[in-house]
PDB file of all heavy atoms in Angstrom:
ATOM      1  N   LYS A   1     -77.971 106.339  41.682  1.00  0.00           N
ATOM      2  CA  LYS A   1     -77.984 105.203  40.768  1.00  0.00           C
ATOM      3  C   LYS A   1     -77.358 105.649  39.451  1.00  0.00           C
ATOM      4  O   LYS A   1     -77.122 106.826  39.229  1.00  0.00           O
ATOM      5  CB  LYS A   1     -79.415 104.709  40.504  1.00  0.00           C
ATOM      6  CG  LYS A   1     -80.173 104.245  41.733  1.00  0.00           C
ATOM      7  CD  LYS A   1     -79.661 102.937  42.252  1.00  0.00           C
ATOM      8  CE  LYS A   1     -80.484 102.485  43.452  1.00  0.00           C
ATOM      9  NZ  LYS A   1     -80.033 101.205  43.951  1.00  0.00           N
ATOM     10  N   ILE A   2     -77.133 104.706  38.565  1.00  0.00           N
ATOM     11  CA  ILE A   2     -76.633 104.976  37.225  1.00  0.00           C
ATOM     12  C   ILE A   2     -77.637 104.400  36.236  1.00  0.00           C
ATOM     13  O   ILE A   2     -78.108 103.276  36.409  1.00  0.00           O
ATOM     14  CB  ILE A   2     -75.258 104.305  36.994  1.00  0.00           C
ATOM     15  CG1 ILE A   2     -74.199 104.898  37.921  1.00  0.00           C
ATOM     16  CG2 ILE A   2     -74.832 104.401  35.536  1.00  0.00           C
ATOM     17  CD1 ILE A   2     -73.786 106.313  37.596  1.00  0.00           C
ATOM     18  N   LYS A   3     -77.967 105.193  35.215  1.00  0.00           N
ATOM     19  CA  LYS A   3     -78.826 104.682  34.145  1.00  0.00           C
ATOM     20  C   LYS A   3     -77.956 104.468  32.912  1.00  0.00           C
ATOM     21  O   LYS A   3     -77.309 105.389  32.430  1.00  0.00           O
ATOM     22  CB  LYS A   3     -79.964 105.651  33.822  1.00  0.00           C
ATOM     23  CG  LYS A   3     -80.849 105.136  32.690  1.00  0.00           C
ATOM     24  CD  LYS A   3     -82.187 105.840  32.596  1.00  0.00           C
ATOM     25  CE  LYS A   3     -82.078 107.242  32.081  1.00  0.00           C
ATOM     26  NZ  LYS A   3     -83.394 107.804  31.744  1.00  0.00           N
ATOM     27  N   VAL A   4     -77.948 103.231  32.426  1.00  0.00           N
ATOM     28  CA  VAL A   4     -77.203 102.861  31.232  1.00  0.00           C
ATOM     29  C   VAL A   4     -78.218 102.623  30.123  1.00  0.00           C
ATOM     30  O   VAL A   4     -79.176 101.868  30.310  1.00  0.00           O
ATOM     31  CB  VAL A   4     -76.380 101.575  31.467  1.00  0.00           C
ATOM     32  CG1 VAL A   4     -75.655 101.155  30.200  1.00  0.00           C
ATOM     33  CG2 VAL A   4     -75.395 101.766  32.605  1.00  0.00           C
ATOM     34  N   GLU A   5     -78.026 103.287  28.981  1.00  0.00           N
ATOM     35  CA  GLU A   5     -78.944 103.125  27.860  1.00  0.00           C
ATOM     36  C   GLU A   5     -78.177 102.613  26.643  1.00  0.00           C
ATOM     37  O   GLU A   5     -77.123 103.148  26.307  1.00  0.00           O
ATOM     38  CB  GLU A   5     -79.591 104.463  27.501  1.00  0.00           C
ATOM     39  CG  GLU A   5     -80.431 105.045  28.632  1.00  0.00           C
ATOM     40  CD  GLU A   5     -80.904 106.442  28.323  1.00  0.00           C
ATOM     41  OE1 GLU A   5     -80.162 107.397  28.633  1.00  0.00           O
ATOM     42  OE2 GLU A   5     -82.011 106.571  27.753  1.00  0.00           O
ATOM     43  N   VAL A   6     -78.721 101.575  26.003  1.00  0.00           N
ATOM     44  CA  VAL A   6     -78.146 101.050  24.764  1.00  0.00           C
ATOM     45  C   VAL A   6     -79.281 100.744  23.795  1.00  0.00           C
ATOM     46  O   VAL A   6     -80.372 100.375  24.202  1.00  0.00           O
ATOM     47  CB  VAL A   6     -77.293  99.776  24.983  1.00  0.00           C
ATOM     48  CG1 VAL A   6     -76.067 100.071  25.793  1.00  0.00           C
ATOM     49  CG2 VAL A   6     -78.097  98.678  25.623  1.00  0.00           C
ATOM     50  N   VAL A   7     -79.010 100.930  22.514  1.00  0.00           N
ATOM     51  CA  VAL A   7     -79.956 100.538  21.475  1.00  0.00           C
ATOM     52  C   VAL A   7     -79.309  99.397  20.707  1.00  0.00           C
ATOM     53  O   VAL A   7     -78.168  99.519  20.256  1.00  0.00           O
ATOM     54  CB  VAL A   7     -80.300 101.720  20.540  1.00  0.00           C
ATOM     55  CG1 VAL A   7     -81.211 101.261  19.407  1.00  0.00           C
ATOM     56  CG2 VAL A   7     -80.968 102.838  21.330  1.00  0.00           C
ATOM     57  N   VAL A   8     -80.038  98.292  20.594  1.00  0.00           N
ATOM     58  CA  VAL A   8     -79.484  97.092  19.963  1.00  0.00           C
ATOM     59  C   VAL A   8     -80.472  96.523  18.950  1.00  0.00           C
ATOM     60  O   VAL A   8     -81.666  96.817  18.986  1.00  0.00           O
ATOM     61  CB  VAL A   8     -79.145  96.005  21.007  1.00  0.00           C
ATOM     62  CG1 VAL A   8     -78.089  96.497  21.981  1.00  0.00           C
ATOM     63  CG2 VAL A   8     -80.384  95.551  21.763  1.00  0.00           C
ATOM     64  N   ALA A   9     -79.936  95.687  18.065  1.00  0.00           N
ATOM     65  CA  ALA A   9     -80.788  94.962  17.126  1.00  0.00           C
ATOM     66  C   ALA A   9     -81.586  93.918  17.901  1.00  0.00           C
ATOM     67  O   ALA A   9     -81.187  93.482  18.986  1.00  0.00           O
ATOM     68  CB  ALA A   9     -79.931  94.289  16.060  1.00  0.00           C
ATOM     69  N   GLU A  10     -82.722  93.512  17.338  1.00  0.00           N
ATOM     70  CA  GLU A  10     -83.585  92.522  17.991  1.00  0.00           C
ATOM     71  C   GLU A  10     -82.795  91.269  18.377  1.00  0.00           C
ATOM     72  O   GLU A  10     -83.013  90.686  19.432  1.00  0.00           O
ATOM     73  CB  GLU A  10     -84.732  92.126  17.061  1.00  0.00           C
ATOM     74  CG  GLU A  10     -85.640  93.259  16.651  1.00  0.00           C
ATOM     75  CD  GLU A  10     -86.805  93.484  17.593  1.00  0.00           C
ATOM     76  OE1 GLU A  10     -87.067  92.609  18.448  1.00  0.00           O
ATOM     77  OE2 GLU A  10     -87.440  94.539  17.483  1.00  0.00           O
ATOM     78  N   SER A  11     -81.866  90.874  17.518  1.00  0.00           N
ATOM     79  CA  SER A  11     -81.108  89.641  17.751  1.00  0.00           C
ATOM     80  C   SER A  11     -80.148  89.743  18.940  1.00  0.00           C
ATOM     81  O   SER A  11     -79.698  88.728  19.457  1.00  0.00           O
ATOM     82  CB  SER A  11     -80.322  89.267  16.491  1.00  0.00           C
ATOM     83  OG  SER A  11     -79.411  90.306  16.161  1.00  0.00           O
ATOM     84  N   GLN A  12     -79.831  90.956  19.382  1.00  0.00           N
ATOM     85  CA  GLN A  12     -78.881  91.153  20.482  1.00  0.00           C
ATOM     86  C   GLN A  12     -79.547  91.391  21.831  1.00  0.00           C
ATOM     87  O   GLN A  12     -78.856  91.466  22.843  1.00  0.00           O
ATOM     88  CB  GLN A  12     -77.975  92.350  20.180  1.00  0.00           C
ATOM     89  CG  GLN A  12     -77.023  92.152  19.037  1.00  0.00           C
ATOM     90  CD  GLN A  12     -76.167  93.391  18.844  1.00  0.00           C
ATOM     91  OE1 GLN A  12     -76.696  94.472  18.601  1.00  0.00           O
ATOM     92  NE2 GLN A  12     -74.860  93.226  18.968  1.00  0.00           N
ATOM     93  N   VAL A  13     -80.861  91.485  21.864  1.00  0.00           N
ATOM     94  CA  VAL A  13     -81.558  91.854  23.100  1.00  0.00           C
ATOM     95  C   VAL A  13     -81.287  90.861  24.224  1.00  0.00           C
ATOM     96  O   VAL A  13     -80.876  91.251  25.323  1.00  0.00           O
ATOM     97  CB  VAL A  13     -83.079  92.015  22.863  1.00  0.00           C
ATOM     98  CG1 VAL A  13     -83.815  92.201  24.176  1.00  0.00           C
ATOM     99  CG2 VAL A  13     -83.346  93.186  21.943  1.00  0.00           C
ATOM    100  N   ASP A  14     -81.503  89.583  23.985  1.00  0.00           N
ATOM    101  CA  ASP A  14     -81.319  88.594  25.047  1.00  0.00           C
ATOM    102  C   ASP A  14     -79.877  88.537  25.531  1.00  0.00           C
ATOM    103  O   ASP A  14     -79.615  88.415  26.726  1.00  0.00           O
ATOM    104  CB  ASP A  14     -81.776  87.208  24.575  1.00  0.00           C
ATOM    105  CG  ASP A  14     -83.290  87.139  24.402  1.00  0.00           C
ATOM    106  OD1 ASP A  14     -84.000  87.916  25.072  1.00  0.00           O
ATOM    107  OD2 ASP A  14     -83.760  86.307  23.597  1.00  0.00           O
ATOM    108  N   THR A  15     -78.933  88.645  24.608  1.00  0.00           N
ATOM    109  CA  THR A  15     -77.512  88.637  24.966  1.00  0.00           C
ATOM    110  C   THR A  15     -77.176  89.836  25.846  1.00  0.00           C
ATOM    111  O   THR A  15     -76.481  89.704  26.860  1.00  0.00           O
ATOM    112  CB  THR A  15     -76.642  88.673  23.691  1.00  0.00           C
ATOM    113  OG1 THR A  15     -77.022  87.594  22.845  1.00  0.00           O
ATOM    114  CG2 THR A  15     -75.173  88.572  24.016  1.00  0.00           C
ATOM    115  N   ALA A  16     -77.681  91.012  25.468  1.00  0.00           N
ATOM    116  CA  ALA A  16     -77.426  92.231  26.236  1.00  0.00           C
ATOM    117  C   ALA A  16     -78.059  92.152  27.625  1.00  0.00           C
ATOM    118  O   ALA A  16     -77.431  92.505  28.622  1.00  0.00           O
ATOM    119  CB  ALA A  16     -77.937  93.453  25.490  1.00  0.00           C
ATOM    120  N   LEU A  17     -79.296  91.675  27.690  1.00  0.00           N
ATOM    121  CA  LEU A  17     -79.980  91.552  28.980  1.00  0.00           C
ATOM    122  C   LEU A  17     -79.224  90.609  29.907  1.00  0.00           C
ATOM    123  O   LEU A  17     -79.051  90.889  31.096  1.00  0.00           O
ATOM    124  CB  LEU A  17     -81.415  91.052  28.787  1.00  0.00           C
ATOM    125  CG  LEU A  17     -82.387  92.038  28.164  1.00  0.00           C
ATOM    126  CD1 LEU A  17     -83.730  91.367  27.917  1.00  0.00           C
ATOM    127  CD2 LEU A  17     -82.554  93.266  29.031  1.00  0.00           C
ATOM    128  N   ASP A  18     -78.770  89.497  29.365  1.00  0.00           N
ATOM    129  CA  ASP A  18     -78.029  88.517  30.158  1.00  0.00           C
ATOM    130  C   ASP A  18     -76.722  89.117  30.665  1.00  0.00           C
ATOM    131  O   ASP A  18     -76.359  88.957  31.836  1.00  0.00           O
ATOM    132  CB  ASP A  18     -77.764  87.271  29.311  1.00  0.00           C
ATOM    133  CG  ASP A  18     -77.214  86.126  30.132  1.00  0.00           C
ATOM    134  OD1 ASP A  18     -77.795  85.839  31.202  1.00  0.00           O
ATOM    135  OD2 ASP A  18     -76.214  85.520  29.705  1.00  0.00           O
ATOM    136  N   ALA A  19     -76.010  89.837  29.804  1.00  0.00           N
ATOM    137  CA  ALA A  19     -74.738  90.452  30.190  1.00  0.00           C
ATOM    138  C   ALA A  19     -74.940  91.490  31.292  1.00  0.00           C
ATOM    139  O   ALA A  19     -74.190  91.516  32.279  1.00  0.00           O
ATOM    140  CB  ALA A  19     -74.078  91.099  28.972  1.00  0.00           C
ATOM    141  N   ILE A  20     -75.947  92.338  31.145  1.00  0.00           N
ATOM    142  CA  ILE A  20     -76.220  93.376  32.154  1.00  0.00           C
ATOM    143  C   ILE A  20     -76.620  92.742  33.477  1.00  0.00           C
ATOM    144  O   ILE A  20     -76.124  93.119  34.543  1.00  0.00           O
ATOM    145  CB  ILE A  20     -77.315  94.344  31.668  1.00  0.00           C
ATOM    146  CG1 ILE A  20     -76.825  95.147  30.473  1.00  0.00           C
ATOM    147  CG2 ILE A  20     -77.745  95.285  32.795  1.00  0.00           C
ATOM    148  CD1 ILE A  20     -77.913  95.919  29.758  1.00  0.00           C
ATOM    149  N   THR A  21     -77.514  91.768  33.410  1.00  0.00           N
ATOM    150  CA  THR A  21     -78.010  91.124  34.634  1.00  0.00           C
ATOM    151  C   THR A  21     -76.876  90.468  35.417  1.00  0.00           C
ATOM    152  O   THR A  21     -76.752  90.652  36.625  1.00  0.00           O
ATOM    153  CB  THR A  21     -79.083  90.077  34.291  1.00  0.00           C
ATOM    154  OG1 THR A  21     -80.141  90.724  33.584  1.00  0.00           O
ATOM    155  CG2 THR A  21     -79.641  89.433  35.539  1.00  0.00           C
ATOM    156  N   LYS A  22     -76.031  89.720  34.727  1.00  0.00           N
ATOM    157  CA  LYS A  22     -74.927  89.037  35.412  1.00  0.00           C
ATOM    158  C   LYS A  22     -73.922  90.035  35.988  1.00  0.00           C
ATOM    159  O   LYS A  22     -73.420  89.842  37.096  1.00  0.00           O
ATOM    160  CB  LYS A  22     -74.224  88.081  34.447  1.00  0.00           C
ATOM    161  CG  LYS A  22     -75.018  86.837  34.173  1.00  0.00           C
ATOM    162  CD  LYS A  22     -74.290  85.920  33.214  1.00  0.00           C
ATOM    163  CE  LYS A  22     -75.125  84.678  32.921  1.00  0.00           C
ATOM    164  NZ  LYS A  22     -74.502  83.847  31.877  1.00  0.00           N
ATOM    165  N   ALA A  23     -73.626  91.095  35.264  1.00  0.00           N
ATOM    166  CA  ALA A  23     -72.623  92.062  35.709  1.00  0.00           C
ATOM    167  C   ALA A  23     -73.132  92.949  36.836  1.00  0.00           C
ATOM    168  O   ALA A  23     -72.357  93.342  37.718  1.00  0.00           O
ATOM    169  CB  ALA A  23     -72.172  92.924  34.542  1.00  0.00           C
ATOM    170  N   ALA A  24     -74.423  93.268  36.847  1.00  0.00           N
ATOM    171  CA  ALA A  24     -74.960  94.222  37.826  1.00  0.00           C
ATOM    172  C   ALA A  24     -75.470  93.559  39.103  1.00  0.00           C
ATOM    173  O   ALA A  24     -75.687  94.248  40.098  1.00  0.00           O
ATOM    174  CB  ALA A  24     -76.079  95.039  37.191  1.00  0.00           C
ATOM    175  N   ARG A  25     -75.635  92.262  39.101  1.00  0.00           N
ATOM    176  CA  ARG A  25     -76.248  91.586  40.252  1.00  0.00           C
ATOM    177  C   ARG A  25     -75.287  91.480  41.430  1.00  0.00           C
ATOM    178  O   ARG A  25     -74.152  91.061  41.293  1.00  0.00           O
ATOM    179  CB  ARG A  25     -76.696  90.183  39.843  1.00  0.00           C
ATOM    180  CG  ARG A  25     -77.328  89.405  41.012  1.00  0.00           C
ATOM    181  CD  ARG A  25     -77.795  88.039  40.601  1.00  0.00           C
ATOM    182  NE  ARG A  25     -78.984  88.186  39.769  1.00  0.00           N
ATOM    183  CZ  ARG A  25     -79.224  87.424  38.709  1.00  0.00           C
ATOM    184  NH1 ARG A  25     -78.386  86.490  38.352  1.00  0.00           N
ATOM    185  NH2 ARG A  25     -80.327  87.619  38.008  1.00  0.00           N
ATOM    186  N   THR A  26     -75.775  91.894  42.609  1.00  0.00           N
ATOM    187  CA  THR A  26     -75.048  91.675  43.859  1.00  0.00           C
ATOM    188  C   THR A  26     -75.808  90.685  44.733  1.00  0.00           C
ATOM    189  O   THR A  26     -75.257  90.152  45.681  1.00  0.00           O
ATOM    190  CB  THR A  26     -74.863  92.980  44.664  1.00  0.00           C
ATOM    191  OG1 THR A  26     -76.144  93.441  45.099  1.00  0.00           O
ATOM    192  CG2 THR A  26     -74.152  94.043  43.866  1.00  0.00           C
ATOM    193  N   GLY A  27     -77.089  90.516  44.429  1.00  0.00           N
ATOM    194  CA  GLY A  27     -77.926  89.638  45.242  1.00  0.00           C
ATOM    195  C   GLY A  27     -78.582  90.356  46.404  1.00  0.00           C
ATOM    196  O   GLY A  27     -79.284  89.749  47.201  1.00  0.00           O
ATOM    197  N   LYS A  28     -78.360  91.658  46.491  1.00  0.00           N
ATOM    198  CA  LYS A  28     -78.929  92.445  47.587  1.00  0.00           C
ATOM    199  C   LYS A  28     -79.979  93.398  47.046  1.00  0.00           C
ATOM    200  O   LYS A  28     -80.011  93.705  45.854  1.00  0.00           O
ATOM    201  CB  LYS A  28     -77.828  93.218  48.303  1.00  0.00           C
ATOM    202  CG  LYS A  28     -76.803  92.316  48.945  1.00  0.00           C
ATOM    203  CD  LYS A  28     -75.719  93.114  49.606  1.00  0.00           C
ATOM    204  CE  LYS A  28     -74.702  92.139  50.211  1.00  0.00           C
ATOM    205  NZ  LYS A  28     -73.472  92.795  50.588  1.00  0.00           N
ATOM    206  N   ILE A  29     -80.802  93.892  47.951  1.00  0.00           N
ATOM    207  CA  ILE A  29     -81.849  94.835  47.560  1.00  0.00           C
ATOM    208  C   ILE A  29     -81.209  96.071  46.931  1.00  0.00           C
ATOM    209  O   ILE A  29     -80.128  96.499  47.334  1.00  0.00           O
ATOM    210  CB  ILE A  29     -82.729  95.205  48.780  1.00  0.00           C
ATOM    211  CG1 ILE A  29     -84.000  95.919  48.341  1.00  0.00           C
ATOM    212  CG2 ILE A  29     -81.948  96.005  49.785  1.00  0.00           C
ATOM    213  CD1 ILE A  29     -85.061  96.005  49.405  1.00  0.00           C
ATOM    214  N   GLY A  30     -81.863  96.617  45.909  1.00  0.00           N
ATOM    215  CA  GLY A  30     -81.364  97.822  45.253  1.00  0.00           C
ATOM    216  C   GLY A  30     -80.479  97.559  44.049  1.00  0.00           C
ATOM    217  O   GLY A  30     -79.840  98.473  43.544  1.00  0.00           O
ATOM    218  N   ASP A  31     -80.431  96.308  43.569  1.00  0.00           N
ATOM    219  CA  ASP A  31     -79.612  95.992  42.391  1.00  0.00           C
ATOM    220  C   ASP A  31     -80.094  96.717  41.147  1.00  0.00           C
ATOM    221  O   ASP A  31     -79.309  96.974  40.253  1.00  0.00           O
ATOM    222  CB  ASP A  31     -79.597  94.485  42.122  1.00  0.00           C
ATOM    223  CG  ASP A  31     -78.534  93.767  42.933  1.00  0.00           C
ATOM    224  OD1 ASP A  31     -77.717  94.449  43.581  1.00  0.00           O
ATOM    225  OD2 ASP A  31     -78.521  92.534  42.908  1.00  0.00           O
ATOM    226  N   GLY A  32     -81.376  97.048  41.078  1.00  0.00           N
ATOM    227  CA  GLY A  32     -81.880  97.840  39.959  1.00  0.00           C
ATOM    228  C   GLY A  32     -82.902  97.128  39.106  1.00  0.00           C
ATOM    229  O   GLY A  32     -83.412  96.067  39.461  1.00  0.00           O
ATOM    230  N   LYS A  33     -83.180  97.735  37.957  1.00  0.00           N
ATOM    231  CA  LYS A  33     -84.168  97.212  37.016  1.00  0.00           C
ATOM    232  C   LYS A  33     -83.679  97.440  35.606  1.00  0.00           C
ATOM    233  O   LYS A  33     -82.853  98.304  35.351  1.00  0.00           O
ATOM    234  CB  LYS A  33     -85.508  97.936  37.195  1.00  0.00           C
ATOM    235  CG  LYS A  33     -86.222  97.598  38.473  1.00  0.00           C
ATOM    236  CD  LYS A  33     -87.708  97.641  38.255  1.00  0.00           C
ATOM    237  CE  LYS A  33     -88.522  97.179  39.423  1.00  0.00           C
ATOM    238  NZ  LYS A  33     -88.068  97.420  40.742  1.00  0.00           N
ATOM    239  N   ILE A  34     -84.246  96.647  34.682  1.00  0.00           N
ATOM    240  CA  ILE A  34     -83.949  96.810  33.262  1.00  0.00           C
ATOM    241  C   ILE A  34     -85.273  96.974  32.533  1.00  0.00           C
ATOM    242  O   ILE A  34     -86.202  96.204  32.750  1.00  0.00           O
ATOM    243  CB  ILE A  34     -83.184  95.599  32.696  1.00  0.00           C
ATOM    244  CG1 ILE A  34     -81.871  95.391  33.459  1.00  0.00           C
ATOM    245  CG2 ILE A  34     -82.916  95.789  31.209  1.00  0.00           C
ATOM    246  CD1 ILE A  34     -81.126  94.129  33.070  1.00  0.00           C
ATOM    247  N   PHE A  35     -85.338  97.977  31.659  1.00  0.00           N
ATOM    248  CA  PHE A  35     -86.529  98.232  30.853  1.00  0.00           C
ATOM    249  C   PHE A  35     -86.171  98.084  29.385  1.00  0.00           C
ATOM    250  O   PHE A  35     -85.131  98.577  28.953  1.00  0.00           O
ATOM    251  CB  PHE A  35     -87.064  99.652  31.099  1.00  0.00           C
ATOM    252  CG  PHE A  35     -87.324  99.945  32.555  1.00  0.00           C
ATOM    253  CD1 PHE A  35     -86.385 100.623  33.313  1.00  0.00           C
ATOM    254  CD2 PHE A  35     -88.504  99.546  33.155  1.00  0.00           C
ATOM    255  CE1 PHE A  35     -86.608 100.897  34.657  1.00  0.00           C
ATOM    256  CE2 PHE A  35     -88.738  99.812  34.503  1.00  0.00           C
ATOM    257  CZ  PHE A  35     -87.792 100.491  35.244  1.00  0.00           C
ATOM    258  N   VAL A  36     -87.035  97.424  28.626  1.00  0.00           N
ATOM    259  CA  VAL A  36     -86.808  97.247  27.195  1.00  0.00           C
ATOM    260  C   VAL A  36     -87.989  97.857  26.452  1.00  0.00           C
ATOM    261  O   VAL A  36     -89.141  97.520  26.727  1.00  0.00           O
ATOM    262  CB  VAL A  36     -86.670  95.754  26.823  1.00  0.00           C
ATOM    263  CG1 VAL A  36     -86.429  95.594  25.333  1.00  0.00           C
ATOM    264  CG2 VAL A  36     -85.557  95.102  27.626  1.00  0.00           C
TER     265      VAL A  36
END
């Protein structure tokens, strides 16, 4: 797997989560997790 780490301002959290989720999703098992 790959672990991507970013530190963002509070105002950017939802935007970053949305961008990561859309880009990383395949719809299959093993797509991963995001921790904040």
